[in-house]
């Protein structure tokens, strides 16, 4: 039978673990909102890029409008995951979503890049080894260097490896501790989206003008679109990682609370049994010394 002191020691250890889990749970909740704000802050910037593209596309020639989108033959995919553990099934879910997408396309990716050591391991296990693995940014300020690194990688893919399409696989945060994996086509730019922008009415009565070369301005705006899209993917993935960690911590907290309740019950039972045994020992000793005869 486990001694009372051993049960008490286990209770103390469990309470310490409960304190750590509560701290991690609170930190995950704070981080979720932090990265949510980072994603939300891009909305106005994205809208500005759309307006700029709307201006550039407004006076396109008929020849430019008739251009067709080339088929995607060599596809590169960027998979966003985590560097750290205790984030539930996030890495497994995003890799599963990526595999499902390529099964539907009936093609294997020509190049794979992983953002996060954990997701890189999942990709290797699934026989999609990444050619390069980037670290997950540890803060919102570290996202920009990560985006710049990815943009350079995309240039390398297009120039040296003939990649003609790029997909992003990441998890988008929904609310609280929930998220969903999704696939976003980054390149080539969706022509239907551009066509819709071209047809959209200008929001004011003052029509804009530009003096730059149309092609150069269009390229710069598309570059900014890529920047915003990658930045949002980073922020959404980080928010989802913390959402998944929050869910894991909530489950761990429930399990610890149940275990602590069981240990508390066991402790009281062991303590009561110990007191009873001590009383019985005293009575037995008293009777062995003849105490019972003197009383009678």
Protein backbone atom coordinates (compact mmCIF):
# COMPACT_ATOMS: atom_id res chain seq x y z
CA UNK A 1 0.00 0.00 0.00
CA UNK A 2 1.29 3.45 -0.92
CA UNK A 3 2.41 5.45 2.12
CA UNK A 4 0.66 8.69 3.09
CA UNK A 5 3.80 10.76 2.48
CA UNK A 6 4.22 9.26 -0.99
CA UNK A 7 0.65 10.22 -1.91
CA UNK A 8 1.21 13.70 -0.49
CA UNK A 9 4.37 14.05 -2.60
CA UNK A 10 2.47 13.02 -5.73
CA UNK A 11 -0.21 15.60 -4.92
CA UNK A 12 2.42 18.33 -4.65
CA UNK A 13 3.96 17.33 -7.98
CA UNK A 14 0.54 17.30 -9.66
CA UNK A 15 -0.31 20.73 -8.24
CA UNK A 16 2.99 22.11 -9.59
CA UNK A 17 2.20 20.64 -13.00
CA UNK A 18 -1.28 22.16 -12.84
CA UNK A 19 0.25 25.57 -12.21
CA UNK A 20 2.54 25.19 -15.25
CA UNK A 21 -0.38 24.14 -17.46
CA UNK A 22 -2.46 27.12 -16.33
CA UNK A 23 0.41 29.46 -17.16
CA UNK A 24 0.86 27.93 -20.63
CA UNK A 25 -2.89 28.10 -21.19
CA UNK A 26 -2.98 31.81 -20.35
CA UNK A 27 0.07 32.51 -22.53
CA UNK A 28 -1.49 30.68 -25.49
CA UNK A 29 -4.70 32.69 -25.13
CA UNK A 30 -2.73 35.95 -25.12
CA UNK A 31 -0.68 34.89 -28.15
CA UNK A 32 -3.81 34.00 -30.11
CA UNK A 33 -5.16 37.53 -29.81
CA UNK A 34 -1.70 38.95 -30.52
CA UNK A 35 -1.41 37.14 -33.86
CA UNK A 36 -5.08 37.75 -34.67
CA UNK A 37 -4.39 41.47 -34.49
CA UNK A 38 -1.36 41.03 -36.74
CA UNK A 39 -3.58 39.37 -39.37
CA UNK A 40 -6.35 41.95 -38.98
CA UNK A 41 -3.88 44.83 -39.38
CA UNK A 42 -3.20 43.67 -42.95
CA UNK A 43 -6.79 44.17 -44.10
CA UNK A 44 -6.48 47.87 -44.86
CA UNK A 45 -3.11 47.39 -46.54
CA UNK A 46 -4.58 44.60 -48.67
CA UNK A 47 -7.48 46.86 -49.62
CA UNK A 48 -5.02 49.55 -50.73
CA UNK A 49 -3.24 47.04 -52.97
CA UNK A 50 -6.59 46.04 -54.50
CA UNK A 51 -7.38 49.68 -55.26
CA UNK A 52 -3.98 50.14 -56.87
CA UNK A 53 -4.50 47.07 -59.04
CA UNK A 54 -7.97 48.31 -59.93
CA UNK A 55 -6.45 51.53 -61.26
CA UNK A 56 -3.75 49.73 -63.27
CA UNK A 57 -6.17 47.20 -64.73
CA UNK A 58 -8.81 49.74 -65.67
CA UNK A 59 -7.32 50.69 -69.04
CA UNK A 60 -5.90 47.35 -70.16
CA UNK A 61 -5.85 46.65 -73.87
CA UNK A 62 -8.05 44.00 -75.41
CA UNK A 63 -4.95 41.87 -76.13
CA UNK A 64 -4.06 41.87 -72.44
CA UNK A 65 -7.59 40.81 -71.55
CA UNK A 66 -7.46 37.84 -73.92
CA UNK A 67 -4.35 36.26 -72.35
CA UNK A 68 -5.02 32.82 -70.96
CA UNK A 69 -3.71 31.29 -67.79
CA UNK A 70 -1.01 28.69 -68.42
CA UNK A 71 -1.58 25.22 -66.92
CA UNK A 72 0.21 24.44 -63.67
CA UNK A 73 2.85 21.78 -64.38
CA UNK A 74 5.55 22.23 -61.74
CA UNK A 75 4.07 23.16 -58.38
CA UNK A 76 5.93 24.27 -55.29
CA UNK A 77 4.25 24.20 -51.90
CA UNK A 78 5.06 26.03 -48.68
CA UNK A 79 3.78 24.18 -45.61
CA UNK A 80 3.39 26.17 -42.39
CA UNK A 81 3.61 24.28 -39.09
CA UNK A 82 5.36 24.56 -35.74
CA UNK A 83 8.84 24.34 -34.24
CA UNK A 84 7.57 23.47 -30.78
CA UNK A 85 5.46 20.62 -29.47
CA UNK A 86 2.33 20.52 -27.32
CA UNK A 87 0.19 21.87 -30.16
CA UNK A 88 -2.05 18.89 -30.73
CA UNK A 89 -2.68 17.66 -34.27
CA UNK A 90 -1.86 20.93 -36.04
CA UNK A 91 1.13 19.60 -38.01
CA UNK A 92 -0.59 16.32 -38.88
CA UNK A 93 -3.73 18.11 -40.06
CA UNK A 94 -1.96 20.59 -42.33
CA UNK A 95 0.18 17.83 -43.92
CA UNK A 96 -2.92 15.68 -44.42
CA UNK A 97 -4.67 18.62 -46.11
CA UNK A 98 -1.67 19.15 -48.40
CA UNK A 99 -1.57 15.48 -49.40
CA UNK A 100 -5.31 15.50 -50.11
CA UNK A 101 -4.89 18.55 -52.38
CA UNK A 102 -2.16 16.92 -54.47
CA UNK A 103 -4.11 13.66 -54.65
CA UNK A 104 -6.97 15.65 -56.19
CA UNK A 105 -4.56 17.34 -58.62
CA UNK A 106 -3.07 13.90 -59.38
CA UNK A 107 0.46 15.29 -59.26
CA UNK A 108 3.38 15.39 -56.84
CA UNK A 109 4.86 18.74 -55.81
CA UNK A 110 8.06 19.62 -57.62
CA UNK A 111 9.38 21.44 -54.55
CA UNK A 112 8.42 21.51 -50.87
CA UNK A 113 9.43 24.07 -48.27
CA UNK A 114 8.58 23.63 -44.59
CA UNK A 115 8.13 26.38 -42.03
CA UNK A 116 8.74 24.61 -38.72
CA UNK A 117 10.85 21.62 -37.67
CA UNK A 118 7.84 19.63 -36.47
CA UNK A 119 5.96 19.88 -39.75
CA UNK A 120 9.17 19.08 -41.63
CA UNK A 121 9.32 15.78 -39.76
CA UNK A 122 5.70 15.02 -40.64
CA UNK A 123 6.43 15.75 -44.32
CA UNK A 124 9.40 13.38 -44.32
CA UNK A 125 7.29 10.66 -42.72
CA UNK A 126 4.70 11.17 -45.48
CA UNK A 127 7.40 10.87 -48.19
CA UNK A 128 7.34 14.58 -49.05
CA UNK A 129 10.78 15.62 -47.77
CA UNK A 130 11.23 19.42 -47.80
CA UNK A 131 14.22 20.79 -49.64
CA UNK A 132 14.52 23.49 -47.00
CA UNK A 133 13.13 24.18 -43.53
CA UNK A 134 12.63 27.69 -42.12
CA UNK A 135 12.24 28.57 -38.47
CA UNK A 136 8.85 29.69 -37.21
CA UNK A 137 8.90 33.38 -36.18
CA UNK A 138 8.81 33.85 -32.43
CA UNK A 139 7.02 37.21 -32.57
CA UNK A 140 5.11 39.48 -34.93
CA UNK A 141 8.24 41.53 -35.63
CA UNK A 142 10.05 38.38 -36.77
CA UNK A 143 7.40 37.65 -39.42
CA UNK A 144 8.70 40.27 -41.88
CA UNK A 145 12.21 38.71 -42.20
CA UNK A 146 10.51 35.34 -42.67
CA UNK A 147 8.35 36.73 -45.47
CA UNK A 148 11.38 38.27 -47.17
CA UNK A 149 13.19 34.94 -46.99
CA UNK A 150 10.21 33.20 -48.56
CA UNK A 151 9.98 35.76 -51.38
CA UNK A 152 13.64 35.10 -52.24
CA UNK A 153 12.90 31.38 -52.23
CA UNK A 154 9.98 31.88 -54.62
CA UNK A 155 12.25 33.82 -56.98
CA UNK A 156 14.76 30.96 -56.87
CA UNK A 157 12.03 28.40 -57.57
CA UNK A 158 10.85 30.30 -60.63
CA UNK A 159 14.25 31.19 -62.05
CA UNK A 160 16.25 28.00 -61.37
CA UNK A 161 13.69 25.22 -60.93
CA UNK A 162 11.01 26.28 -63.38
CA UNK A 163 8.26 26.34 -60.75
CA UNK A 164 5.17 27.85 -62.41
CA UNK A 165 2.74 27.62 -59.47
CA UNK A 166 3.01 28.00 -55.71
CA UNK A 167 0.54 26.79 -53.08
CA UNK A 168 0.42 27.67 -49.40
CA UNK A 169 -0.69 25.03 -46.88
CA UNK A 170 -1.45 26.45 -43.45
CA UNK A 171 -4.05 26.54 -40.71
CA UNK A 172 -6.45 29.46 -40.45
CA UNK A 173 -7.66 30.40 -36.99
CA UNK A 174 -11.43 30.39 -36.57
CA UNK A 175 -12.22 31.27 -32.96
CA UNK A 176 -11.09 30.33 -29.48
CA UNK A 177 -9.22 27.03 -29.66
CA UNK A 178 -10.51 26.07 -33.14
CA UNK A 179 -8.80 26.29 -36.53
CA UNK A 180 -8.96 24.64 -39.94
CA UNK A 181 -6.25 23.66 -42.44
CA UNK A 182 -6.56 25.13 -45.91
CA UNK A 183 -4.77 25.51 -49.23
CA UNK A 184 -4.25 28.89 -50.89
CA UNK A 185 -2.97 29.37 -54.41
CA UNK A 186 -0.37 32.11 -54.29
CA UNK A 187 0.95 31.92 -57.86
CA UNK A 188 -0.08 32.32 -60.58
CA UNK A 189 -2.30 35.16 -59.45
CA UNK A 190 -5.99 34.35 -59.82
CA UNK A 191 -7.12 35.95 -63.08
CA UNK A 192 -10.76 35.89 -62.02
CA UNK A 193 -9.83 38.00 -59.00
CA UNK A 194 -8.07 40.48 -61.30
CA UNK A 195 -11.04 40.53 -63.66
CA UNK A 196 -13.40 41.24 -60.78
CA UNK A 197 -11.17 44.10 -59.63
CA UNK A 198 -11.16 45.56 -63.11
CA UNK A 199 -14.97 45.59 -63.23
CA UNK A 200 -15.43 46.96 -59.70
CA UNK A 201 -16.67 50.57 -59.51
CA UNK A 202 -14.31 53.13 -58.07
CA UNK A 203 -15.40 54.04 -54.50
CA UNK A 204 -15.27 57.84 -55.03
CA UNK A 205 -16.12 60.34 -57.76
CA UNK A 206 -12.47 61.34 -58.17
CA UNK A 207 -10.82 59.00 -60.67
CA UNK A 208 -7.15 58.23 -59.89
CA UNK A 209 -4.19 58.57 -62.25
CA UNK A 210 -0.65 57.21 -62.34
CA UNK A 211 2.49 58.27 -64.16
CA UNK A 212 4.68 55.18 -63.71
CA UNK A 213 5.11 52.56 -66.39
CA UNK A 214 2.03 50.33 -66.24
CA UNK A 215 4.00 47.06 -66.28
CA UNK A 216 6.40 48.15 -63.56
CA UNK A 217 3.60 49.44 -61.34
CA UNK A 218 1.64 46.22 -61.84
CA UNK A 219 4.69 44.11 -60.90
CA UNK A 220 5.28 46.14 -57.74
CA UNK A 221 1.65 45.82 -56.69
CA UNK A 222 1.74 42.05 -57.26
CA UNK A 223 4.91 41.91 -55.18
CA UNK A 224 3.09 43.67 -52.37
CA UNK A 225 0.17 41.26 -52.78
CA UNK A 226 2.58 38.34 -52.33
CA UNK A 227 4.07 40.02 -49.26
CA UNK A 228 0.66 40.51 -47.64
CA UNK A 229 -0.46 36.96 -48.47
CA UNK A 230 2.65 35.39 -46.95
CA UNK A 231 2.50 37.67 -43.92
CA UNK A 232 -1.13 36.69 -43.31
CA UNK A 233 -0.29 32.98 -43.71
CA UNK A 234 2.43 33.34 -41.06
CA UNK A 235 0.10 35.18 -38.67
CA UNK A 236 -2.81 32.77 -39.18
CA UNK A 237 -0.55 29.76 -38.71
CA UNK A 238 0.90 31.16 -35.50
CA UNK A 239 -2.58 31.97 -34.17
CA UNK A 240 -3.68 28.42 -35.04
CA UNK A 241 -0.62 26.93 -33.36
CA UNK A 242 -1.48 28.72 -30.14
CA UNK A 243 -5.15 27.76 -30.53
CA UNK A 244 -4.14 24.12 -30.82
CA UNK A 245 -1.84 24.49 -27.82
CA UNK A 246 -4.68 26.10 -25.86
CA UNK A 247 -6.91 23.10 -26.63
CA UNK A 248 -4.15 20.72 -25.53
CA UNK A 249 -3.66 22.64 -22.30
CA UNK A 250 -7.40 22.62 -21.63
CA UNK A 251 -7.46 18.84 -22.00
CA UNK A 252 -4.36 18.51 -19.83
CA UNK A 253 -5.91 20.73 -17.17
CA UNK A 254 -9.03 18.55 -17.05
CA UNK A 255 -6.94 15.39 -16.73
CA UNK A 256 -4.78 16.93 -14.01
CA UNK A 257 -7.85 18.11 -12.08
CA UNK A 258 -9.33 14.60 -12.22
CA UNK A 259 -6.02 13.07 -11.13
CA UNK A 260 -5.69 15.58 -8.31
CA UNK A 261 -9.21 14.74 -7.09
CA UNK A 262 -8.33 11.04 -7.08
CA UNK A 263 -5.08 11.69 -5.23
CA UNK A 264 -6.88 13.85 -2.67
CA UNK A 265 -9.42 11.08 -2.03
CA UNK A 266 -6.62 8.52 -1.78
CA UNK A 267 -4.68 10.78 0.59
CA UNK A 268 -7.63 11.15 2.96
CA UNK A 269 -8.27 7.40 2.87
CA UNK A 270 -4.61 6.60 3.56
CA UNK A 271 -4.50 9.21 6.30
CA UNK A 272 -7.63 7.82 7.95
CA UNK A 273 -6.26 4.29 7.74
CA UNK A 274 -2.96 5.46 9.22
CA UNK A 275 -4.73 7.15 12.14
CA UNK A 276 -6.85 4.05 12.70
CA UNK A 277 -3.75 1.82 12.68
CA UNK A 278 -2.04 4.11 15.19
CA UNK A 279 -5.06 3.98 17.50
CA UNK A 280 -5.20 0.19 17.22
CA UNK A 281 -1.49 -0.01 18.02
CA UNK A 282 -2.04 2.13 21.13
CA UNK A 283 -4.96 -0.03 22.29
CA UNK A 284 -3.03 -3.21 21.60
CA UNK A 285 -0.01 -1.92 23.49
CA UNK A 286 -2.17 -0.84 26.38
CA UNK A 287 -3.79 -4.25 26.58
CA UNK A 288 -0.40 -6.00 26.30
CA UNK A 289 0.81 -4.06 29.34
CA UNK A 290 -2.18 -5.18 31.35
CA UNK A 291 -4.00 -1.94 31.12
CA UNK A 292 -7.27 -3.69 30.56
CA UNK A 293 -7.06 -5.58 33.95
CA UNK A 294 -6.37 -2.42 35.93
CA UNK A 295 -9.38 -0.79 34.35
CA UNK A 296 -11.63 -3.66 35.32
